[in-house]
PDBML (XML) file of the C-alpha atoms, coordinates in Angstrom:
<?xml version="1.0" encoding="UTF-8" ?>
<PDBx:datablock datablockName="MODEL"
   xmlns:PDBx="http://pdbml.pdb.org/schema/pdbx-v50.xsd"
   xmlns:xsi="http://www.w3.org/2001/XMLSchema-instance"
   xsi:schemaLocation="http://pdbml.pdb.org/schema/pdbx-v50.xsd pdbx-v50.xsd">
   <PDBx:atom_siteCategory>
      <PDBx:atom_site id="1">
         <PDBx:B_iso_or_equiv>0.00</PDBx:B_iso_or_equiv>
         <PDBx:Cartn_x>21.178</PDBx:Cartn_x>
         <PDBx:Cartn_y>13.665</PDBx:Cartn_y>
         <PDBx:Cartn_z>-19.288</PDBx:Cartn_z>
         <PDBx:auth_asym_id>A</PDBx:auth_asym_id>
         <PDBx:auth_atom_id>CA</PDBx:auth_atom_id>
         <PDBx:auth_comp_id>LEU</PDBx:auth_comp_id>
         <PDBx:auth_seq_id>1</PDBx:auth_seq_id>
         <PDBx:group_PDB>ATOM</PDBx:group_PDB>
         <PDBx:label_alt_id xsi:nil="true" />
         <PDBx:label_asym_id>A</PDBx:label_asym_id>
         <PDBx:label_atom_id>CA</PDBx:label_atom_id>
         <PDBx:label_comp_id>LEU</PDBx:label_comp_id>
         <PDBx:label_entity_id>1</PDBx:label_entity_id>
         <PDBx:label_seq_id>1</PDBx:label_seq_id>
         <PDBx:occupancy>1.00</PDBx:occupancy>
         <PDBx:pdbx_PDB_model_num>1</PDBx:pdbx_PDB_model_num>
         <PDBx:type_symbol>C</PDBx:type_symbol>
      </PDBx:atom_site>
      <PDBx:atom_site id="2">
         <PDBx:B_iso_or_equiv>0.00</PDBx:B_iso_or_equiv>
         <PDBx:Cartn_x>19.744</PDBx:Cartn_x>
         <PDBx:Cartn_y>10.990</PDBx:Cartn_y>
         <PDBx:Cartn_z>-21.584</PDBx:Cartn_z>
         <PDBx:auth_asym_id>A</PDBx:auth_asym_id>
         <PDBx:auth_atom_id>CA</PDBx:auth_atom_id>
         <PDBx:auth_comp_id>LEU</PDBx:auth_comp_id>
         <PDBx:auth_seq_id>2</PDBx:auth_seq_id>
         <PDBx:group_PDB>ATOM</PDBx:group_PDB>
         <PDBx:label_alt_id xsi:nil="true" />
         <PDBx:label_asym_id>A</PDBx:label_asym_id>
         <PDBx:label_atom_id>CA</PDBx:label_atom_id>
         <PDBx:label_comp_id>LEU</PDBx:label_comp_id>
         <PDBx:label_entity_id>1</PDBx:label_entity_id>
         <PDBx:label_seq_id>2</PDBx:label_seq_id>
         <PDBx:occupancy>1.00</PDBx:occupancy>
         <PDBx:pdbx_PDB_model_num>1</PDBx:pdbx_PDB_model_num>
         <PDBx:type_symbol>C</PDBx:type_symbol>
      </PDBx:atom_site>
      <PDBx:atom_site id="3">
         <PDBx:B_iso_or_equiv>0.00</PDBx:B_iso_or_equiv>
         <PDBx:Cartn_x>22.979</PDBx:Cartn_x>
         <PDBx:Cartn_y>10.887</PDBx:Cartn_y>
         <PDBx:Cartn_z>-23.628</PDBx:Cartn_z>
         <PDBx:auth_asym_id>A</PDBx:auth_asym_id>
         <PDBx:auth_atom_id>CA</PDBx:auth_atom_id>
         <PDBx:auth_comp_id>ASP</PDBx:auth_comp_id>
         <PDBx:auth_seq_id>3</PDBx:auth_seq_id>
         <PDBx:group_PDB>ATOM</PDBx:group_PDB>
         <PDBx:label_alt_id xsi:nil="true" />
         <PDBx:label_asym_id>A</PDBx:label_asym_id>
         <PDBx:label_atom_id>CA</PDBx:label_atom_id>
         <PDBx:label_comp_id>ASP</PDBx:label_comp_id>
         <PDBx:label_entity_id>1</PDBx:label_entity_id>
         <PDBx:label_seq_id>3</PDBx:label_seq_id>
         <PDBx:occupancy>1.00</PDBx:occupancy>
         <PDBx:pdbx_PDB_model_num>1</PDBx:pdbx_PDB_model_num>
         <PDBx:type_symbol>C</PDBx:type_symbol>
      </PDBx:atom_site>
      <PDBx:atom_site id="4">
         <PDBx:B_iso_or_equiv>0.00</PDBx:B_iso_or_equiv>
         <PDBx:Cartn_x>24.964</PDBx:Cartn_x>
         <PDBx:Cartn_y>10.311</PDBx:Cartn_y>
         <PDBx:Cartn_z>-20.412</PDBx:Cartn_z>
         <PDBx:auth_asym_id>A</PDBx:auth_asym_id>
         <PDBx:auth_atom_id>CA</PDBx:auth_atom_id>
         <PDBx:auth_comp_id>LEU</PDBx:auth_comp_id>
         <PDBx:auth_seq_id>4</PDBx:auth_seq_id>
         <PDBx:group_PDB>ATOM</PDBx:group_PDB>
         <PDBx:label_alt_id xsi:nil="true" />
         <PDBx:label_asym_id>A</PDBx:label_asym_id>
         <PDBx:label_atom_id>CA</PDBx:label_atom_id>
         <PDBx:label_comp_id>LEU</PDBx:label_comp_id>
         <PDBx:label_entity_id>1</PDBx:label_entity_id>
         <PDBx:label_seq_id>4</PDBx:label_seq_id>
         <PDBx:occupancy>1.00</PDBx:occupancy>
         <PDBx:pdbx_PDB_model_num>1</PDBx:pdbx_PDB_model_num>
         <PDBx:type_symbol>C</PDBx:type_symbol>
      </PDBx:atom_site>
      <PDBx:atom_site id="5">
         <PDBx:B_iso_or_equiv>0.00</PDBx:B_iso_or_equiv>
         <PDBx:Cartn_x>22.588</PDBx:Cartn_x>
         <PDBx:Cartn_y>7.566</PDBx:Cartn_y>
         <PDBx:Cartn_z>-19.290</PDBx:Cartn_z>
         <PDBx:auth_asym_id>A</PDBx:auth_asym_id>
         <PDBx:auth_atom_id>CA</PDBx:auth_atom_id>
         <PDBx:auth_comp_id>LEU</PDBx:auth_comp_id>
         <PDBx:auth_seq_id>5</PDBx:auth_seq_id>
         <PDBx:group_PDB>ATOM</PDBx:group_PDB>
         <PDBx:label_alt_id xsi:nil="true" />
         <PDBx:label_asym_id>A</PDBx:label_asym_id>
         <PDBx:label_atom_id>CA</PDBx:label_atom_id>
         <PDBx:label_comp_id>LEU</PDBx:label_comp_id>
         <PDBx:label_entity_id>1</PDBx:label_entity_id>
         <PDBx:label_seq_id>5</PDBx:label_seq_id>
         <PDBx:occupancy>1.00</PDBx:occupancy>
         <PDBx:pdbx_PDB_model_num>1</PDBx:pdbx_PDB_model_num>
         <PDBx:type_symbol>C</PDBx:type_symbol>
      </PDBx:atom_site>
      <PDBx:atom_site id="6">
         <PDBx:B_iso_or_equiv>0.00</PDBx:B_iso_or_equiv>
         <PDBx:Cartn_x>22.848</PDBx:Cartn_x>
         <PDBx:Cartn_y>5.979</PDBx:Cartn_y>
         <PDBx:Cartn_z>-22.754</PDBx:Cartn_z>
         <PDBx:auth_asym_id>A</PDBx:auth_asym_id>
         <PDBx:auth_atom_id>CA</PDBx:auth_atom_id>
         <PDBx:auth_comp_id>ALA</PDBx:auth_comp_id>
         <PDBx:auth_seq_id>6</PDBx:auth_seq_id>
         <PDBx:group_PDB>ATOM</PDBx:group_PDB>
         <PDBx:label_alt_id xsi:nil="true" />
         <PDBx:label_asym_id>A</PDBx:label_asym_id>
         <PDBx:label_atom_id>CA</PDBx:label_atom_id>
         <PDBx:label_comp_id>ALA</PDBx:label_comp_id>
         <PDBx:label_entity_id>1</PDBx:label_entity_id>
         <PDBx:label_seq_id>6</PDBx:label_seq_id>
         <PDBx:occupancy>1.00</PDBx:occupancy>
         <PDBx:pdbx_PDB_model_num>1</PDBx:pdbx_PDB_model_num>
         <PDBx:type_symbol>C</PDBx:type_symbol>
      </PDBx:atom_site>
      <PDBx:atom_site id="7">
         <PDBx:B_iso_or_equiv>0.00</PDBx:B_iso_or_equiv>
         <PDBx:Cartn_x>26.475</PDBx:Cartn_x>
         <PDBx:Cartn_y>5.187</PDBx:Cartn_y>
         <PDBx:Cartn_z>-21.893</PDBx:Cartn_z>
         <PDBx:auth_asym_id>A</PDBx:auth_asym_id>
         <PDBx:auth_atom_id>CA</PDBx:auth_atom_id>
         <PDBx:auth_comp_id>LEU</PDBx:auth_comp_id>
         <PDBx:auth_seq_id>7</PDBx:auth_seq_id>
         <PDBx:group_PDB>ATOM</PDBx:group_PDB>
         <PDBx:label_alt_id xsi:nil="true" />
         <PDBx:label_asym_id>A</PDBx:label_asym_id>
         <PDBx:label_atom_id>CA</PDBx:label_atom_id>
         <PDBx:label_comp_id>LEU</PDBx:label_comp_id>
         <PDBx:label_entity_id>1</PDBx:label_entity_id>
         <PDBx:label_seq_id>7</PDBx:label_seq_id>
         <PDBx:occupancy>1.00</PDBx:occupancy>
         <PDBx:pdbx_PDB_model_num>1</PDBx:pdbx_PDB_model_num>
         <PDBx:type_symbol>C</PDBx:type_symbol>
      </PDBx:atom_site>
      <PDBx:atom_site id="8">
         <PDBx:B_iso_or_equiv>0.00</PDBx:B_iso_or_equiv>
         <PDBx:Cartn_x>25.106</PDBx:Cartn_x>
         <PDBx:Cartn_y>2.863</PDBx:Cartn_y>
         <PDBx:Cartn_z>-19.218</PDBx:Cartn_z>
         <PDBx:auth_asym_id>A</PDBx:auth_asym_id>
         <PDBx:auth_atom_id>CA</PDBx:auth_atom_id>
         <PDBx:auth_comp_id>ARG</PDBx:auth_comp_id>
         <PDBx:auth_seq_id>8</PDBx:auth_seq_id>
         <PDBx:group_PDB>ATOM</PDBx:group_PDB>
         <PDBx:label_alt_id xsi:nil="true" />
         <PDBx:label_asym_id>A</PDBx:label_asym_id>
         <PDBx:label_atom_id>CA</PDBx:label_atom_id>
         <PDBx:label_comp_id>ARG</PDBx:label_comp_id>
         <PDBx:label_entity_id>1</PDBx:label_entity_id>
         <PDBx:label_seq_id>8</PDBx:label_seq_id>
         <PDBx:occupancy>1.00</PDBx:occupancy>
         <PDBx:pdbx_PDB_model_num>1</PDBx:pdbx_PDB_model_num>
         <PDBx:type_symbol>C</PDBx:type_symbol>
      </PDBx:atom_site>
      <PDBx:atom_site id="9">
         <PDBx:B_iso_or_equiv>0.00</PDBx:B_iso_or_equiv>
         <PDBx:Cartn_x>21.930</PDBx:Cartn_x>
         <PDBx:Cartn_y>1.541</PDBx:Cartn_y>
         <PDBx:Cartn_z>-20.879</PDBx:Cartn_z>
         <PDBx:auth_asym_id>A</PDBx:auth_asym_id>
         <PDBx:auth_atom_id>CA</PDBx:auth_atom_id>
         <PDBx:auth_comp_id>HIS</PDBx:auth_comp_id>
         <PDBx:auth_seq_id>9</PDBx:auth_seq_id>
         <PDBx:group_PDB>ATOM</PDBx:group_PDB>
         <PDBx:label_alt_id xsi:nil="true" />
         <PDBx:label_asym_id>A</PDBx:label_asym_id>
         <PDBx:label_atom_id>CA</PDBx:label_atom_id>
         <PDBx:label_comp_id>HIS</PDBx:label_comp_id>
         <PDBx:label_entity_id>1</PDBx:label_entity_id>
         <PDBx:label_seq_id>9</PDBx:label_seq_id>
         <PDBx:occupancy>1.00</PDBx:occupancy>
         <PDBx:pdbx_PDB_model_num>1</PDBx:pdbx_PDB_model_num>
         <PDBx:type_symbol>C</PDBx:type_symbol>
      </PDBx:atom_site>
      <PDBx:atom_site id="10">
         <PDBx:B_iso_or_equiv>0.00</PDBx:B_iso_or_equiv>
         <PDBx:Cartn_x>20.892</PDBx:Cartn_x>
         <PDBx:Cartn_y>0.436</PDBx:Cartn_y>
         <PDBx:Cartn_z>-24.356</PDBx:Cartn_z>
         <PDBx:auth_asym_id>A</PDBx:auth_asym_id>
         <PDBx:auth_atom_id>CA</PDBx:auth_atom_id>
         <PDBx:auth_comp_id>GLU</PDBx:auth_comp_id>
         <PDBx:auth_seq_id>10</PDBx:auth_seq_id>
         <PDBx:group_PDB>ATOM</PDBx:group_PDB>
         <PDBx:label_alt_id xsi:nil="true" />
         <PDBx:label_asym_id>A</PDBx:label_asym_id>
         <PDBx:label_atom_id>CA</PDBx:label_atom_id>
         <PDBx:label_comp_id>GLU</PDBx:label_comp_id>
         <PDBx:label_entity_id>1</PDBx:label_entity_id>
         <PDBx:label_seq_id>10</PDBx:label_seq_id>
         <PDBx:occupancy>1.00</PDBx:occupancy>
         <PDBx:pdbx_PDB_model_num>1</PDBx:pdbx_PDB_model_num>
         <PDBx:type_symbol>C</PDBx:type_symbol>
      </PDBx:atom_site>
      <PDBx:atom_site id="11">
         <PDBx:B_iso_or_equiv>0.00</PDBx:B_iso_or_equiv>
         <PDBx:Cartn_x>18.720</PDBx:Cartn_x>
         <PDBx:Cartn_y>3.024</PDBx:Cartn_y>
         <PDBx:Cartn_z>-26.182</PDBx:Cartn_z>
         <PDBx:auth_asym_id>A</PDBx:auth_asym_id>
         <PDBx:auth_atom_id>CA</PDBx:auth_atom_id>
         <PDBx:auth_comp_id>PRO</PDBx:auth_comp_id>
         <PDBx:auth_seq_id>11</PDBx:auth_seq_id>
         <PDBx:group_PDB>ATOM</PDBx:group_PDB>
         <PDBx:label_alt_id xsi:nil="true" />
         <PDBx:label_asym_id>A</PDBx:label_asym_id>
         <PDBx:label_atom_id>CA</PDBx:label_atom_id>
         <PDBx:label_comp_id>PRO</PDBx:label_comp_id>
         <PDBx:label_entity_id>1</PDBx:label_entity_id>
         <PDBx:label_seq_id>11</PDBx:label_seq_id>
         <PDBx:occupancy>1.00</PDBx:occupancy>
         <PDBx:pdbx_PDB_model_num>1</PDBx:pdbx_PDB_model_num>
         <PDBx:type_symbol>C</PDBx:type_symbol>
      </PDBx:atom_site>
      <PDBx:atom_site id="12">
         <PDBx:B_iso_or_equiv>0.00</PDBx:B_iso_or_equiv>
         <PDBx:Cartn_x>15.880</PDBx:Cartn_x>
         <PDBx:Cartn_y>0.471</PDBx:Cartn_y>
         <PDBx:Cartn_z>-26.221</PDBx:Cartn_z>
         <PDBx:auth_asym_id>A</PDBx:auth_asym_id>
         <PDBx:auth_atom_id>CA</PDBx:auth_atom_id>
         <PDBx:auth_comp_id>ALA</PDBx:auth_comp_id>
         <PDBx:auth_seq_id>12</PDBx:auth_seq_id>
         <PDBx:group_PDB>ATOM</PDBx:group_PDB>
         <PDBx:label_alt_id xsi:nil="true" />
         <PDBx:label_asym_id>A</PDBx:label_asym_id>
         <PDBx:label_atom_id>CA</PDBx:label_atom_id>
         <PDBx:label_comp_id>ALA</PDBx:label_comp_id>
         <PDBx:label_entity_id>1</PDBx:label_entity_id>
         <PDBx:label_seq_id>12</PDBx:label_seq_id>
         <PDBx:occupancy>1.00</PDBx:occupancy>
         <PDBx:pdbx_PDB_model_num>1</PDBx:pdbx_PDB_model_num>
         <PDBx:type_symbol>C</PDBx:type_symbol>
      </PDBx:atom_site>
      <PDBx:atom_site id="13">
         <PDBx:B_iso_or_equiv>0.00</PDBx:B_iso_or_equiv>
         <PDBx:Cartn_x>15.819</PDBx:Cartn_x>
         <PDBx:Cartn_y>0.675</PDBx:Cartn_y>
         <PDBx:Cartn_z>-22.410</PDBx:Cartn_z>
         <PDBx:auth_asym_id>A</PDBx:auth_asym_id>
         <PDBx:auth_atom_id>CA</PDBx:auth_atom_id>
         <PDBx:auth_comp_id>LEU</PDBx:auth_comp_id>
         <PDBx:auth_seq_id>13</PDBx:auth_seq_id>
         <PDBx:group_PDB>ATOM</PDBx:group_PDB>
         <PDBx:label_alt_id xsi:nil="true" />
         <PDBx:label_asym_id>A</PDBx:label_asym_id>
         <PDBx:label_atom_id>CA</PDBx:label_atom_id>
         <PDBx:label_comp_id>LEU</PDBx:label_comp_id>
         <PDBx:label_entity_id>1</PDBx:label_entity_id>
         <PDBx:label_seq_id>13</PDBx:label_seq_id>
         <PDBx:occupancy>1.00</PDBx:occupancy>
         <PDBx:pdbx_PDB_model_num>1</PDBx:pdbx_PDB_model_num>
         <PDBx:type_symbol>C</PDBx:type_symbol>
      </PDBx:atom_site>
      <PDBx:atom_site id="14">
         <PDBx:B_iso_or_equiv>0.00</PDBx:B_iso_or_equiv>
         <PDBx:Cartn_x>15.395</PDBx:Cartn_x>
         <PDBx:Cartn_y>4.485</PDBx:Cartn_y>
         <PDBx:Cartn_z>-22.469</PDBx:Cartn_z>
         <PDBx:auth_asym_id>A</PDBx:auth_asym_id>
         <PDBx:auth_atom_id>CA</PDBx:auth_atom_id>
         <PDBx:auth_comp_id>ILE</PDBx:auth_comp_id>
         <PDBx:auth_seq_id>14</PDBx:auth_seq_id>
         <PDBx:group_PDB>ATOM</PDBx:group_PDB>
         <PDBx:label_alt_id xsi:nil="true" />
         <PDBx:label_asym_id>A</PDBx:label_asym_id>
         <PDBx:label_atom_id>CA</PDBx:label_atom_id>
         <PDBx:label_comp_id>ILE</PDBx:label_comp_id>
         <PDBx:label_entity_id>1</PDBx:label_entity_id>
         <PDBx:label_seq_id>14</PDBx:label_seq_id>
         <PDBx:occupancy>1.00</PDBx:occupancy>
         <PDBx:pdbx_PDB_model_num>1</PDBx:pdbx_PDB_model_num>
         <PDBx:type_symbol>C</PDBx:type_symbol>
      </PDBx:atom_site>
      <PDBx:atom_site id="15">
         <PDBx:B_iso_or_equiv>0.00</PDBx:B_iso_or_equiv>
         <PDBx:Cartn_x>11.877</PDBx:Cartn_x>
         <PDBx:Cartn_y>5.887</PDBx:Cartn_y>
         <PDBx:Cartn_z>-22.861</PDBx:Cartn_z>
         <PDBx:auth_asym_id>A</PDBx:auth_asym_id>
         <PDBx:auth_atom_id>CA</PDBx:auth_atom_id>
         <PDBx:auth_comp_id>MET</PDBx:auth_comp_id>
         <PDBx:auth_seq_id>15</PDBx:auth_seq_id>
         <PDBx:group_PDB>ATOM</PDBx:group_PDB>
         <PDBx:label_alt_id xsi:nil="true" />
         <PDBx:label_asym_id>A</PDBx:label_asym_id>
         <PDBx:label_atom_id>CA</PDBx:label_atom_id>
         <PDBx:label_comp_id>MET</PDBx:label_comp_id>
         <PDBx:label_entity_id>1</PDBx:label_entity_id>
         <PDBx:label_seq_id>15</PDBx:label_seq_id>
         <PDBx:occupancy>1.00</PDBx:occupancy>
         <PDBx:pdbx_PDB_model_num>1</PDBx:pdbx_PDB_model_num>
         <PDBx:type_symbol>C</PDBx:type_symbol>
      </PDBx:atom_site>
      <PDBx:atom_site id="16">
         <PDBx:B_iso_or_equiv>0.00</PDBx:B_iso_or_equiv>
         <PDBx:Cartn_x>10.563</PDBx:Cartn_x>
         <PDBx:Cartn_y>9.462</PDBx:Cartn_y>
         <PDBx:Cartn_z>-22.876</PDBx:Cartn_z>
         <PDBx:auth_asym_id>A</PDBx:auth_asym_id>
         <PDBx:auth_atom_id>CA</PDBx:auth_atom_id>
         <PDBx:auth_comp_id>THR</PDBx:auth_comp_id>
         <PDBx:auth_seq_id>16</PDBx:auth_seq_id>
         <PDBx:group_PDB>ATOM</PDBx:group_PDB>
         <PDBx:label_alt_id xsi:nil="true" />
         <PDBx:label_asym_id>A</PDBx:label_asym_id>
         <PDBx:label_atom_id>CA</PDBx:label_atom_id>
         <PDBx:label_comp_id>THR</PDBx:label_comp_id>
         <PDBx:label_entity_id>1</PDBx:label_entity_id>
         <PDBx:label_seq_id>16</PDBx:label_seq_id>
         <PDBx:occupancy>1.00</PDBx:occupancy>
         <PDBx:pdbx_PDB_model_num>1</PDBx:pdbx_PDB_model_num>
         <PDBx:type_symbol>C</PDBx:type_symbol>
      </PDBx:atom_site>
      <PDBx:atom_site id="17">
         <PDBx:B_iso_or_equiv>0.00</PDBx:B_iso_or_equiv>
         <PDBx:Cartn_x>6.890</PDBx:Cartn_x>
         <PDBx:Cartn_y>10.312</PDBx:Cartn_y>
         <PDBx:Cartn_z>-22.405</PDBx:Cartn_z>
         <PDBx:auth_asym_id>A</PDBx:auth_asym_id>
         <PDBx:auth_atom_id>CA</PDBx:auth_atom_id>
         <PDBx:auth_comp_id>CYS</PDBx:auth_comp_id>
         <PDBx:auth_seq_id>17</PDBx:auth_seq_id>
         <PDBx:group_PDB>ATOM</PDBx:group_PDB>
         <PDBx:label_alt_id xsi:nil="true" />
         <PDBx:label_asym_id>A</PDBx:label_asym_id>
         <PDBx:label_atom_id>CA</PDBx:label_atom_id>
         <PDBx:label_comp_id>CYS</PDBx:label_comp_id>
         <PDBx:label_entity_id>1</PDBx:label_entity_id>
         <PDBx:label_seq_id>17</PDBx:label_seq_id>
         <PDBx:occupancy>1.00</PDBx:occupancy>
         <PDBx:pdbx_PDB_model_num>1</PDBx:pdbx_PDB_model_num>
         <PDBx:type_symbol>C</PDBx:type_symbol>
      </PDBx:atom_site>
      <PDBx:atom_site id="18">
         <PDBx:B_iso_or_equiv>0.00</PDBx:B_iso_or_equiv>
         <PDBx:Cartn_x>4.408</PDBx:Cartn_x>
         <PDBx:Cartn_y>13.154</PDBx:Cartn_y>
         <PDBx:Cartn_z>-21.998</PDBx:Cartn_z>
         <PDBx:auth_asym_id>A</PDBx:auth_asym_id>
         <PDBx:auth_atom_id>CA</PDBx:auth_atom_id>
         <PDBx:auth_comp_id>ALA</PDBx:auth_comp_id>
         <PDBx:auth_seq_id>18</PDBx:auth_seq_id>
         <PDBx:group_PDB>ATOM</PDBx:group_PDB>
         <PDBx:label_alt_id xsi:nil="true" />
         <PDBx:label_asym_id>A</PDBx:label_asym_id>
         <PDBx:label_atom_id>CA</PDBx:label_atom_id>
         <PDBx:label_comp_id>ALA</PDBx:label_comp_id>
         <PDBx:label_entity_id>1</PDBx:label_entity_id>
         <PDBx:label_seq_id>18</PDBx:label_seq_id>
         <PDBx:occupancy>1.00</PDBx:occupancy>
         <PDBx:pdbx_PDB_model_num>1</PDBx:pdbx_PDB_model_num>
         <PDBx:type_symbol>C</PDBx:type_symbol>
      </PDBx:atom_site>
      <PDBx:atom_site id="19">
         <PDBx:B_iso_or_equiv>0.00</PDBx:B_iso_or_equiv>
         <PDBx:Cartn_x>0.684</PDBx:Cartn_x>
         <PDBx:Cartn_y>13.591</PDBx:Cartn_y>
         <PDBx:Cartn_z>-21.511</PDBx:Cartn_z>
         <PDBx:auth_asym_id>A</PDBx:auth_asym_id>
         <PDBx:auth_atom_id>CA</PDBx:auth_atom_id>
         <PDBx:auth_comp_id>LEU</PDBx:auth_comp_id>
         <PDBx:auth_seq_id>19</PDBx:auth_seq_id>
         <PDBx:group_PDB>ATOM</PDBx:group_PDB>
         <PDBx:label_alt_id xsi:nil="true" />
         <PDBx:label_asym_id>A</PDBx:label_asym_id>
         <PDBx:label_atom_id>CA</PDBx:label_atom_id>
         <PDBx:label_comp_id>LEU</PDBx:label_comp_id>
         <PDBx:label_entity_id>1</PDBx:label_entity_id>
         <PDBx:label_seq_id>19</PDBx:label_seq_id>
         <PDBx:occupancy>1.00</PDBx:occupancy>
         <PDBx:pdbx_PDB_model_num>1</PDBx:pdbx_PDB_model_num>
         <PDBx:type_symbol>C</PDBx:type_symbol>
      </PDBx:atom_site>
      <PDBx:atom_site id="20">
         <PDBx:B_iso_or_equiv>0.00</PDBx:B_iso_or_equiv>
         <PDBx:Cartn_x>-0.134</PDBx:Cartn_x>
         <PDBx:Cartn_y>15.031</PDBx:Cartn_y>
         <PDBx:Cartn_z>-24.945</PDBx:Cartn_z>
         <PDBx:auth_asym_id>A</PDBx:auth_asym_id>
         <PDBx:auth_atom_id>CA</PDBx:auth_atom_id>
         <PDBx:auth_comp_id>SER</PDBx:auth_comp_id>
         <PDBx:auth_seq_id>20</PDBx:auth_seq_id>
         <PDBx:group_PDB>ATOM</PDBx:group_PDB>
         <PDBx:label_alt_id xsi:nil="true" />
         <PDBx:label_asym_id>A</PDBx:label_asym_id>
         <PDBx:label_atom_id>CA</PDBx:label_atom_id>
         <PDBx:label_comp_id>SER</PDBx:label_comp_id>
         <PDBx:label_entity_id>1</PDBx:label_entity_id>
         <PDBx:label_seq_id>20</PDBx:label_seq_id>
         <PDBx:occupancy>1.00</PDBx:occupancy>
         <PDBx:pdbx_PDB_model_num>1</PDBx:pdbx_PDB_model_num>
         <PDBx:type_symbol>C</PDBx:type_symbol>
      </PDBx:atom_site>
      <PDBx:atom_site id="21">
         <PDBx:B_iso_or_equiv>0.00</PDBx:B_iso_or_equiv>
         <PDBx:Cartn_x>0.768</PDBx:Cartn_x>
         <PDBx:Cartn_y>13.572</PDBx:Cartn_y>
         <PDBx:Cartn_z>-28.318</PDBx:Cartn_z>
         <PDBx:auth_asym_id>A</PDBx:auth_asym_id>
         <PDBx:auth_atom_id>CA</PDBx:auth_atom_id>
         <PDBx:auth_comp_id>GLY</PDBx:auth_comp_id>
         <PDBx:auth_seq_id>21</PDBx:auth_seq_id>
         <PDBx:group_PDB>ATOM</PDBx:group_PDB>
         <PDBx:label_alt_id xsi:nil="true" />
         <PDBx:label_asym_id>A</PDBx:label_asym_id>
         <PDBx:label_atom_id>CA</PDBx:label_atom_id>
         <PDBx:label_comp_id>GLY</PDBx:label_comp_id>
         <PDBx:label_entity_id>1</PDBx:label_entity_id>
         <PDBx:label_seq_id>21</PDBx:label_seq_id>
         <PDBx:occupancy>1.00</PDBx:occupancy>
         <PDBx:pdbx_PDB_model_num>1</PDBx:pdbx_PDB_model_num>
         <PDBx:type_symbol>C</PDBx:type_symbol>
      </PDBx:atom_site>
      <PDBx:atom_site id="22">
         <PDBx:B_iso_or_equiv>0.00</PDBx:B_iso_or_equiv>
         <PDBx:Cartn_x>2.427</PDBx:Cartn_x>
         <PDBx:Cartn_y>16.793</PDBx:Cartn_y>
         <PDBx:Cartn_z>-29.508</PDBx:Cartn_z>
         <PDBx:auth_asym_id>A</PDBx:auth_asym_id>
         <PDBx:auth_atom_id>CA</PDBx:auth_atom_id>
         <PDBx:auth_comp_id>ILE</PDBx:auth_comp_id>
         <PDBx:auth_seq_id>22</PDBx:auth_seq_id>
         <PDBx:group_PDB>ATOM</PDBx:group_PDB>
         <PDBx:label_alt_id xsi:nil="true" />
         <PDBx:label_asym_id>A</PDBx:label_asym_id>
         <PDBx:label_atom_id>CA</PDBx:label_atom_id>
         <PDBx:label_comp_id>ILE</PDBx:label_comp_id>
         <PDBx:label_entity_id>1</PDBx:label_entity_id>
         <PDBx:label_seq_id>22</PDBx:label_seq_id>
         <PDBx:occupancy>1.00</PDBx:occupancy>
         <PDBx:pdbx_PDB_model_num>1</PDBx:pdbx_PDB_model_num>
         <PDBx:type_symbol>C</PDBx:type_symbol>
      </PDBx:atom_site>
      <PDBx:atom_site id="23">
         <PDBx:B_iso_or_equiv>0.00</PDBx:B_iso_or_equiv>
         <PDBx:Cartn_x>4.602</PDBx:Cartn_x>
         <PDBx:Cartn_y>17.017</PDBx:Cartn_y>
         <PDBx:Cartn_z>-26.374</PDBx:Cartn_z>
         <PDBx:auth_asym_id>A</PDBx:auth_asym_id>
         <PDBx:auth_atom_id>CA</PDBx:auth_atom_id>
         <PDBx:auth_comp_id>ALA</PDBx:auth_comp_id>
         <PDBx:auth_seq_id>23</PDBx:auth_seq_id>
         <PDBx:group_PDB>ATOM</PDBx:group_PDB>
         <PDBx:label_alt_id xsi:nil="true" />
         <PDBx:label_asym_id>A</PDBx:label_asym_id>
         <PDBx:label_atom_id>CA</PDBx:label_atom_id>
         <PDBx:label_comp_id>ALA</PDBx:label_comp_id>
         <PDBx:label_entity_id>1</PDBx:label_entity_id>
         <PDBx:label_seq_id>23</PDBx:label_seq_id>
         <PDBx:occupancy>1.00</PDBx:occupancy>
         <PDBx:pdbx_PDB_model_num>1</PDBx:pdbx_PDB_model_num>
         <PDBx:type_symbol>C</PDBx:type_symbol>
      </PDBx:atom_site>
      <PDBx:atom_site id="24">
         <PDBx:B_iso_or_equiv>0.00</PDBx:B_iso_or_equiv>
         <PDBx:Cartn_x>5.620</PDBx:Cartn_x>
         <PDBx:Cartn_y>13.394</PDBx:Cartn_y>
         <PDBx:Cartn_z>-26.858</PDBx:Cartn_z>
         <PDBx:auth_asym_id>A</PDBx:auth_asym_id>
         <PDBx:auth_atom_id>CA</PDBx:auth_atom_id>
         <PDBx:auth_comp_id>SER</PDBx:auth_comp_id>
         <PDBx:auth_seq_id>24</PDBx:auth_seq_id>
         <PDBx:group_PDB>ATOM</PDBx:group_PDB>
         <PDBx:label_alt_id xsi:nil="true" />
         <PDBx:label_asym_id>A</PDBx:label_asym_id>
         <PDBx:label_atom_id>CA</PDBx:label_atom_id>
         <PDBx:label_comp_id>SER</PDBx:label_comp_id>
         <PDBx:label_entity_id>1</PDBx:label_entity_id>
         <PDBx:label_seq_id>24</PDBx:label_seq_id>
         <PDBx:occupancy>1.00</PDBx:occupancy>
         <PDBx:pdbx_PDB_model_num>1</PDBx:pdbx_PDB_model_num>
         <PDBx:type_symbol>C</PDBx:type_symbol>
      </PDBx:atom_site>
   </PDBx:atom_siteCategory>
</PDBx:datablock>
C-alpha cells in the first residue's frame, strides 16, 4: 500500500508510526 501511495507522494511525505519503539 505504501509503495503504491509513493507513486503519488514523495517518500518524505509518508510516515509510519507505532506506540512502542520496537514496533516503530
